[in-house]
Amino acid sequence: MIGVPDEQYGEEIMAWIRLRPGVPELDVPALREFCRGRLAQYKVPRYVHCVDEFPMTVTGKVRKVAMREQAKELLDL
């Protein structure tokens, strides 16, 4: 999960999800409902983005800065 800019709250949560091969497509409303039963309201992701793979560094770590930039482009922020 990463934070993306929001005018009202300053930042909102965007979940980046990579599905395993052979898993059916993700139902976003069902994911949010699942989260509501287990997380505080402010932690439930407002945005959900499914990807085949995460942007990685040469050492194999997830590049969160690149994810934030891509999220801004996807959401036109």
PDB file of N, CA and C in Angstrom:
ATOM      1  N   MET A   1       0.838  -1.170   0.000  1.00  0.00           N
ATOM      2  CA  MET A   1       0.000   0.000   0.000  1.00  0.00           C
ATOM      3  C   MET A   1       0.883   1.233   0.000  1.00  0.00           C
ATOM      4  N   ILE A   2       0.442   2.208  -0.755  1.00  0.00           N
ATOM      5  CA  ILE A   2       1.169   3.465  -0.803  1.00  0.00           C
ATOM      6  C   ILE A   2       0.188   4.611  -0.587  1.00  0.00           C
ATOM      7  N   GLY A   3       0.725   5.763  -0.247  1.00  0.00           N
ATOM      8  CA  GLY A   3      -0.092   6.949  -0.077  1.00  0.00           C
ATOM      9  C   GLY A   3      -0.079   7.786  -1.347  1.00  0.00           C
ATOM     10  N   VAL A   4      -1.239   8.279  -1.739  1.00  0.00           N
ATOM     11  CA  VAL A   4      -1.349   9.178  -2.890  1.00  0.00           C
ATOM     12  C   VAL A   4      -1.962  10.490  -2.394  1.00  0.00           C
ATOM     13  N   PRO A   5      -1.604  11.614  -3.026  1.00  0.00           N
ATOM     14  CA  PRO A   5      -2.113  12.918  -2.565  1.00  0.00           C
ATOM     15  C   PRO A   5      -3.638  13.008  -2.626  1.00  0.00           C
ATOM     16  N   ASP A   6      -4.195  13.705  -1.642  1.00  0.00           N
ATOM     17  CA  ASP A   6      -5.634  13.942  -1.586  1.00  0.00           C
ATOM     18  C   ASP A   6      -5.846  15.350  -1.042  1.00  0.00           C
ATOM     19  N   GLU A   7      -6.738  16.117  -1.672  1.00  0.00           N
ATOM     20  CA  GLU A   7      -6.961  17.497  -1.249  1.00  0.00           C
ATOM     21  C   GLU A   7      -7.573  17.586   0.142  1.00  0.00           C
ATOM     22  N   GLN A   8      -8.516  16.728   0.450  1.00  0.00           N
ATOM     23  CA  GLN A   8      -9.220  16.819   1.732  1.00  0.00           C
ATOM     24  C   GLN A   8      -8.395  16.264   2.890  1.00  0.00           C
ATOM     25  N   TYR A   9      -7.813  15.088   2.720  1.00  0.00           N
ATOM     26  CA  TYR A   9      -7.125  14.422   3.815  1.00  0.00           C
ATOM     27  C   TYR A   9      -5.604  14.538   3.751  1.00  0.00           C
ATOM     28  N   GLY A  10      -5.076  15.061   2.669  1.00  0.00           N
ATOM     29  CA  GLY A  10      -3.631  15.148   2.511  1.00  0.00           C
ATOM     30  C   GLY A  10      -3.067  13.930   1.806  1.00  0.00           C
ATOM     31  N   GLU A  11      -3.560  12.751   2.194  1.00  0.00           N
ATOM     32  CA  GLU A  11      -3.089  11.518   1.581  1.00  0.00           C
ATOM     33  C   GLU A  11      -4.153  10.439   1.731  1.00  0.00           C
ATOM     34  N   GLU A  12      -4.317   9.619   0.704  1.00  0.00           N
ATOM     35  CA  GLU A  12      -5.235   8.478   0.722  1.00  0.00           C
ATOM     36  C   GLU A  12      -4.439   7.218   0.401  1.00  0.00           C
ATOM     37  N   ILE A  13      -4.989   6.072   0.749  1.00  0.00           N
ATOM     38  CA  ILE A  13      -4.299   4.802   0.539  1.00  0.00           C
ATOM     39  C   ILE A  13      -4.663   4.216  -0.818  1.00  0.00           C
ATOM     40  N   MET A  14      -3.633   3.722  -1.522  1.00  0.00           N
ATOM     41  CA  MET A  14      -3.829   2.983  -2.762  1.00  0.00           C
ATOM     42  C   MET A  14      -3.164   1.622  -2.602  1.00  0.00           C
ATOM     43  N   ALA A  15      -3.946   0.573  -2.741  1.00  0.00           N
ATOM     44  CA  ALA A  15      -3.420  -0.785  -2.635  1.00  0.00           C
ATOM     45  C   ALA A  15      -2.963  -1.253  -4.009  1.00  0.00           C
ATOM     46  N   TRP A  16      -1.736  -1.732  -4.091  1.00  0.00           N
ATOM     47  CA  TRP A  16      -1.211  -2.353  -5.309  1.00  0.00           C
ATOM     48  C   TRP A  16      -1.224  -3.851  -5.055  1.00  0.00           C
ATOM     49  N   ILE A  17      -1.919  -4.582  -5.908  1.00  0.00           N
ATOM     50  CA  ILE A  17      -2.098  -6.016  -5.688  1.00  0.00           C
ATOM     51  C   ILE A  17      -1.571  -6.791  -6.883  1.00  0.00           C
ATOM     52  N   ARG A  18      -0.778  -7.805  -6.585  1.00  0.00           N
ATOM     53  CA  ARG A  18      -0.269  -8.720  -7.614  1.00  0.00           C
ATOM     54  C   ARG A  18      -0.897 -10.077  -7.355  1.00  0.00           C
ATOM     55  N   LEU A  19      -1.731 -10.508  -8.286  1.00  0.00           N
ATOM     56  CA  LEU A  19      -2.425 -11.785  -8.130  1.00  0.00           C
ATOM     57  C   LEU A  19      -1.538 -12.942  -8.562  1.00  0.00           C
ATOM     58  N   ARG A  20      -1.712 -14.060  -7.920  1.00  0.00           N
ATOM     59  CA  ARG A  20      -0.989 -15.272  -8.304  1.00  0.00           C
ATOM     60  C   ARG A  20      -1.565 -15.815  -9.608  1.00  0.00           C
ATOM     61  N   PRO A  21      -0.756 -16.526 -10.385  1.00  0.00           N
ATOM     62  CA  PRO A  21      -1.282 -17.125 -11.621  1.00  0.00           C
ATOM     63  C   PRO A  21      -2.401 -18.118 -11.308  1.00  0.00           C
ATOM     64  N   GLY A  22      -3.437 -18.080 -12.113  1.00  0.00           N
ATOM     65  CA  GLY A  22      -4.557 -19.003 -11.939  1.00  0.00           C
ATOM     66  C   GLY A  22      -5.616 -18.530 -10.966  1.00  0.00           C
ATOM     67  N   VAL A  23      -5.409 -17.394 -10.327  1.00  0.00           N
ATOM     68  CA  VAL A  23      -6.388 -16.858  -9.389  1.00  0.00           C
ATOM     69  C   VAL A  23      -7.410 -16.033 -10.173  1.00  0.00           C
ATOM     70  N   PRO A  24      -8.696 -16.165  -9.866  1.00  0.00           N
ATOM     71  CA  PRO A  24      -9.691 -15.371 -10.599  1.00  0.00           C
ATOM     72  C   PRO A  24      -9.500 -13.873 -10.367  1.00  0.00           C
ATOM     73  N   GLU A  25     -10.094 -13.075 -11.248  1.00  0.00           N
ATOM     74  CA  GLU A  25      -9.974 -11.618 -11.160  1.00  0.00           C
ATOM     75  C   GLU A  25     -10.452 -11.109  -9.796  1.00  0.00           C
ATOM     76  N   LEU A  26      -9.882 -10.006  -9.381  1.00  0.00           N
ATOM     77  CA  LEU A  26     -10.191  -9.412  -8.090  1.00  0.00           C
ATOM     78  C   LEU A  26     -11.488  -8.604  -8.164  1.00  0.00           C
ATOM     79  N   ASP A  27     -12.341  -8.803  -7.199  1.00  0.00           N
ATOM     80  CA  ASP A  27     -13.574  -8.029  -7.074  1.00  0.00           C
ATOM     81  C   ASP A  27     -13.308  -6.910  -6.068  1.00  0.00           C
ATOM     82  N   VAL A  28     -13.144  -5.682  -6.549  1.00  0.00           N
ATOM     83  CA  VAL A  28     -12.736  -4.555  -5.705  1.00  0.00           C
ATOM     84  C   VAL A  28     -13.734  -4.280  -4.581  1.00  0.00           C
ATOM     85  N   PRO A  29     -15.043  -4.236  -4.837  1.00  0.00           N
ATOM     86  CA  PRO A  29     -15.979  -4.021  -3.714  1.00  0.00           C
ATOM     87  C   PRO A  29     -15.880  -5.117  -2.642  1.00  0.00           C
ATOM     88  N   ALA A  30     -15.651  -6.359  -3.068  1.00  0.00           N
ATOM     89  CA  ALA A  30     -15.502  -7.453  -2.099  1.00  0.00           C
ATOM     90  C   ALA A  30     -14.226  -7.274  -1.285  1.00  0.00           C
ATOM     91  N   LEU A  31     -13.156  -6.792  -1.921  1.00  0.00           N
ATOM     92  CA  LEU A  31     -11.910  -6.530  -1.199  1.00  0.00           C
ATOM     93  C   LEU A  31     -12.114  -5.447  -0.147  1.00  0.00           C
ATOM     94  N   ARG A  32     -12.797  -4.376  -0.512  1.00  0.00           N
ATOM     95  CA  ARG A  32     -13.053  -3.293   0.451  1.00  0.00           C
ATOM     96  C   ARG A  32     -13.915  -3.787   1.615  1.00  0.00           C
ATOM     97  N   GLU A  33     -14.918  -4.598   1.313  1.00  0.00           N
ATOM     98  CA  GLU A  33     -15.772  -5.138   2.364  1.00  0.00           C
ATOM     99  C   GLU A  33     -14.965  -6.044   3.294  1.00  0.00           C
ATOM    100  N   PHE A  34     -14.073  -6.854   2.730  1.00  0.00           N
ATOM    101  CA  PHE A  34     -13.195  -7.708   3.522  1.00  0.00           C
ATOM    102  C   PHE A  34     -12.341  -6.857   4.456  1.00  0.00           C
ATOM    103  N   CYS A  35     -11.796  -5.765   3.925  1.00  0.00           N
ATOM    104  CA  CYS A  35     -10.945  -4.873   4.729  1.00  0.00           C
ATOM    105  C   CYS A  35     -11.747  -4.177   5.826  1.00  0.00           C
ATOM    106  N   ARG A  36     -12.978  -3.770   5.523  1.00  0.00           N
ATOM    107  CA  ARG A  36     -13.796  -3.071   6.523  1.00  0.00           C
ATOM    108  C   ARG A  36     -14.045  -3.935   7.753  1.00  0.00           C
ATOM    109  N   GLY A  37     -14.141  -5.221   7.566  1.00  0.00           N
ATOM    110  CA  GLY A  37     -14.372  -6.105   8.695  1.00  0.00           C
ATOM    111  C   GLY A  37     -13.133  -6.362   9.527  1.00  0.00           C
ATOM    112  N   ARG A  38     -11.953  -5.967   9.017  1.00  0.00           N
ATOM    113  CA  ARG A  38     -10.712  -6.301   9.702  1.00  0.00           C
ATOM    114  C   ARG A  38      -9.801  -5.105  10.005  1.00  0.00           C
ATOM    115  N   LEU A  39     -10.047  -3.967   9.355  1.00  0.00           N
ATOM    116  CA  LEU A  39      -9.188  -2.794   9.521  1.00  0.00           C
ATOM    117  C   LEU A  39     -10.003  -1.597   9.998  1.00  0.00           C
ATOM    118  N   ALA A  40      -9.311  -0.634  10.567  1.00  0.00           N
ATOM    119  CA  ALA A  40      -9.963   0.627  10.910  1.00  0.00           C
ATOM    120  C   ALA A  40     -10.386   1.315   9.618  1.00  0.00           C
ATOM    121  N   GLN A  41     -11.425   2.130   9.675  1.00  0.00           N
ATOM    122  CA  GLN A  41     -11.992   2.748   8.479  1.00  0.00           C
ATOM    123  C   GLN A  41     -10.958   3.537   7.684  1.00  0.00           C
ATOM    124  N   TYR A  42     -10.071   4.267   8.366  1.00  0.00           N
ATOM    125  CA  TYR A  42      -9.093   5.084   7.651  1.00  0.00           C
ATOM    126  C   TYR A  42      -8.002   4.255   6.968  1.00  0.00           C
ATOM    127  N   LYS A  43      -7.920   2.977   7.268  1.00  0.00           N
ATOM    128  CA  LYS A  43      -6.929   2.107   6.645  1.00  0.00           C
ATOM    129  C   LYS A  43      -7.461   1.343   5.433  1.00  0.00           C
ATOM    130  N   VAL A  44      -8.757   1.395   5.196  1.00  0.00           N
ATOM    131  CA  VAL A  44      -9.352   0.714   4.042  1.00  0.00           C
ATOM    132  C   VAL A  44      -8.929   1.478   2.787  1.00  0.00           C
ATOM    133  N   PRO A  45      -8.341   0.792   1.793  1.00  0.00           N
ATOM    134  CA  PRO A  45      -7.847   1.501   0.604  1.00  0.00           C
ATOM    135  C   PRO A  45      -8.961   2.131  -0.217  1.00  0.00           C
ATOM    136  N   ARG A  46      -8.744   3.381  -0.597  1.00  0.00           N
ATOM    137  CA  ARG A  46      -9.709   4.076  -1.447  1.00  0.00           C
ATOM    138  C   ARG A  46      -9.528   3.657  -2.902  1.00  0.00           C
ATOM    139  N   TYR A  47      -8.281   3.412  -3.290  1.00  0.00           N
ATOM    140  CA  TYR A  47      -7.953   3.023  -4.657  1.00  0.00           C
ATOM    141  C   TYR A  47      -7.309   1.643  -4.643  1.00  0.00           C
ATOM    142  N   VAL A  48      -7.595   0.842  -5.678  1.00  0.00           N
ATOM    143  CA  VAL A  48      -7.002  -0.491  -5.816  1.00  0.00           C
ATOM    144  C   VAL A  48      -6.469  -0.607  -7.235  1.00  0.00           C
ATOM    145  N   HIS A  49      -5.234  -1.076  -7.362  1.00  0.00           N
ATOM    146  CA  HIS A  49      -4.604  -1.230  -8.675  1.00  0.00           C
ATOM    147  C   HIS A  49      -3.974  -2.618  -8.749  1.00  0.00           C
ATOM    148  N   CYS A  50      -4.387  -3.411  -9.731  1.00  0.00           N
ATOM    149  CA  CYS A  50      -3.831  -4.747  -9.926  1.00  0.00           C
ATOM    150  C   CYS A  50      -2.715  -4.682 -10.967  1.00  0.00           C
ATOM    151  N   VAL A  51      -1.597  -5.302 -10.665  1.00  0.00           N
ATOM    152  CA  VAL A  51      -0.440  -5.301 -11.564  1.00  0.00           C
ATOM    153  C   VAL A  51       0.074  -6.718 -11.744  1.00  0.00           C
ATOM    154  N   ASP A  52       0.832  -6.917 -12.840  1.00  0.00           N
ATOM    155  CA  ASP A  52       1.479  -8.209 -13.062  1.00  0.00           C
ATOM    156  C   ASP A  52       2.752  -8.329 -12.246  1.00  0.00           C
ATOM    157  N   GLU A  53       3.455  -7.209 -12.094  1.00  0.00           N
ATOM    158  CA  GLU A  53       4.657  -7.192 -11.252  1.00  0.00           C
ATOM    159  C   GLU A  53       4.903  -5.778 -10.749  1.00  0.00           C
ATOM    160  N   PHE A  54       5.586  -5.680  -9.623  1.00  0.00           N
ATOM    161  CA  PHE A  54       5.907  -4.402  -9.016  1.00  0.00           C
ATOM    162  C   PHE A  54       7.194  -3.850  -9.616  1.00  0.00           C
ATOM    163  N   PRO A  55       7.352  -2.516  -9.663  1.00  0.00           N
ATOM    164  CA  PRO A  55       8.649  -1.961 -10.072  1.00  0.00           C
ATOM    165  C   PRO A  55       9.684  -2.296  -8.999  1.00  0.00           C
ATOM    166  N   MET A  56      10.815  -2.820  -9.426  1.00  0.00           N
ATOM    167  CA  MET A  56      11.832  -3.290  -8.485  1.00  0.00           C
ATOM    168  C   MET A  56      13.163  -2.576  -8.700  1.00  0.00           C
ATOM    169  N   THR A  57      13.960  -2.536  -7.626  1.00  0.00           N
ATOM    170  CA  THR A  57      15.325  -2.030  -7.735  1.00  0.00           C
ATOM    171  C   THR A  57      16.225  -3.175  -8.185  1.00  0.00           C
ATOM    172  N   VAL A  58      17.484  -2.869  -8.452  1.00  0.00           N
ATOM    173  CA  VAL A  58      18.412  -3.922  -8.872  1.00  0.00           C
ATOM    174  C   VAL A  58      18.688  -4.914  -7.757  1.00  0.00           C
ATOM    175  N   THR A  59      18.446  -4.519  -6.505  1.00  0.00           N
ATOM    176  CA  THR A  59      18.665  -5.428  -5.382  1.00  0.00           C
ATOM    177  C   THR A  59      17.425  -6.239  -5.032  1.00  0.00           C
ATOM    178  N   GLY A  60      16.307  -6.028  -5.794  1.00  0.00           N
ATOM    179  CA  GLY A  60      15.111  -6.831  -5.585  1.00  0.00           C
ATOM    180  C   GLY A  60      14.092  -6.236  -4.630  1.00  0.00           C
ATOM    181  N   LYS A  61      14.236  -4.959  -4.276  1.00  0.00           N
ATOM    182  CA  LYS A  61      13.267  -4.313  -3.398  1.00  0.00           C
ATOM    183  C   LYS A  61      12.230  -3.566  -4.238  1.00  0.00           C
ATOM    184  N   VAL A  62      11.039  -3.421  -3.681  1.00  0.00           N
ATOM    185  CA  VAL A  62       9.966  -2.706  -4.373  1.00  0.00           C
ATOM    186  C   VAL A  62      10.276  -1.210  -4.368  1.00  0.00           C
ATOM    187  N   ARG A  63      10.144  -0.572  -5.541  1.00  0.00           N
ATOM    188  CA  ARG A  63      10.406   0.869  -5.673  1.00  0.00           C
ATOM    189  C   ARG A  63       9.117   1.637  -5.387  1.00  0.00           C
ATOM    190  N   LYS A  64       8.934   2.038  -4.133  1.00  0.00           N
ATOM    191  CA  LYS A  64       7.719   2.741  -3.742  1.00  0.00           C
ATOM    192  C   LYS A  64       7.628   4.117  -4.372  1.00  0.00           C
ATOM    193  N   VAL A  65       8.754   4.761  -4.602  1.00  0.00           N
ATOM    194  CA  VAL A  65       8.748   6.078  -5.244  1.00  0.00           C
ATOM    195  C   VAL A  65       8.188   5.949  -6.661  1.00  0.00           C
ATOM    196  N   ALA A  66       8.598   4.940  -7.392  1.00  0.00           N
ATOM    197  CA  ALA A  66       8.082   4.712  -8.742  1.00  0.00           C
ATOM    198  C   ALA A  66       6.588   4.379  -8.695  1.00  0.00           C
ATOM    199  N   MET A  67       6.169   3.643  -7.680  1.00  0.00           N
ATOM    200  CA  MET A  67       4.758   3.309  -7.534  1.00  0.00           C
ATOM    201  C   MET A  67       3.927   4.565  -7.299  1.00  0.00           C
ATOM    202  N   ARG A  68       4.428   5.486  -6.460  1.00  0.00           N
ATOM    203  CA  ARG A  68       3.713   6.740  -6.203  1.00  0.00           C
ATOM    204  C   ARG A  68       3.580   7.564  -7.478  1.00  0.00           C
ATOM    205  N   GLU A  69       4.655   7.629  -8.260  1.00  0.00           N
ATOM    206  CA  GLU A  69       4.623   8.387  -9.509  1.00  0.00           C
ATOM    207  C   GLU A  69       3.621   7.778 -10.490  1.00  0.00           C
ATOM    208  N   GLN A  70       3.620   6.450 -10.606  1.00  0.00           N
ATOM    209  CA  GLN A  70       2.669   5.782 -11.485  1.00  0.00           C
ATOM    210  C   GLN A  70       1.240   5.987 -11.000  1.00  0.00           C
ATOM    211  N   ALA A  71       1.050   5.978  -9.684  1.00  0.00           N
ATOM    212  CA  ALA A  71      -0.284   6.183  -9.116  1.00  0.00           C
ATOM    213  C   ALA A  71      -0.795   7.579  -9.447  1.00  0.00           C
ATOM    214  N   LYS A  72       0.068   8.585  -9.357  1.00  0.00           N
ATOM    215  CA  LYS A  72      -0.325   9.953  -9.701  1.00  0.00           C
ATOM    216  C   LYS A  72      -0.759  10.044 -11.158  1.00  0.00           C
ATOM    217  N   GLU A  73      -0.039   9.352 -12.037  1.00  0.00           N
ATOM    218  CA  GLU A  73      -0.394   9.349 -13.458  1.00  0.00           C
ATOM    219  C   GLU A  73      -1.719   8.618 -13.695  1.00  0.00           C
ATOM    220  N   LEU A  74      -1.899   7.482 -13.025  1.00  0.00           N
ATOM    221  CA  LEU A  74      -3.125   6.700 -13.196  1.00  0.00           C
ATOM    222  C   LEU A  74      -4.365   7.465 -12.715  1.00  0.00           C
ATOM    223  N   LEU A  75      -4.202   8.204 -11.632  1.00  0.00           N
ATOM    224  CA  LEU A  75      -5.338   8.895 -11.024  1.00  0.00           C
ATOM    225  C   LEU A  75      -5.453  10.348 -11.475  1.00  0.00           C
ATOM    226  N   ASP A  76      -4.566  10.774 -12.382  1.00  0.00           N
ATOM    227  CA  ASP A  76      -4.539  12.153 -12.875  1.00  0.00           C
ATOM    228  C   ASP A  76      -4.433  13.166 -11.733  1.00  0.00           C
ATOM    229  N   LEU A  77      -3.487  12.911 -10.836  1.00  0.00           N
ATOM    230  CA  LEU A  77      -3.284  13.832  -9.702  1.00  0.00           C
ATOM    231  C   LEU A  77      -2.107  14.751  -9.960  1.00  0.00           C
TER     232      LEU A  77
END
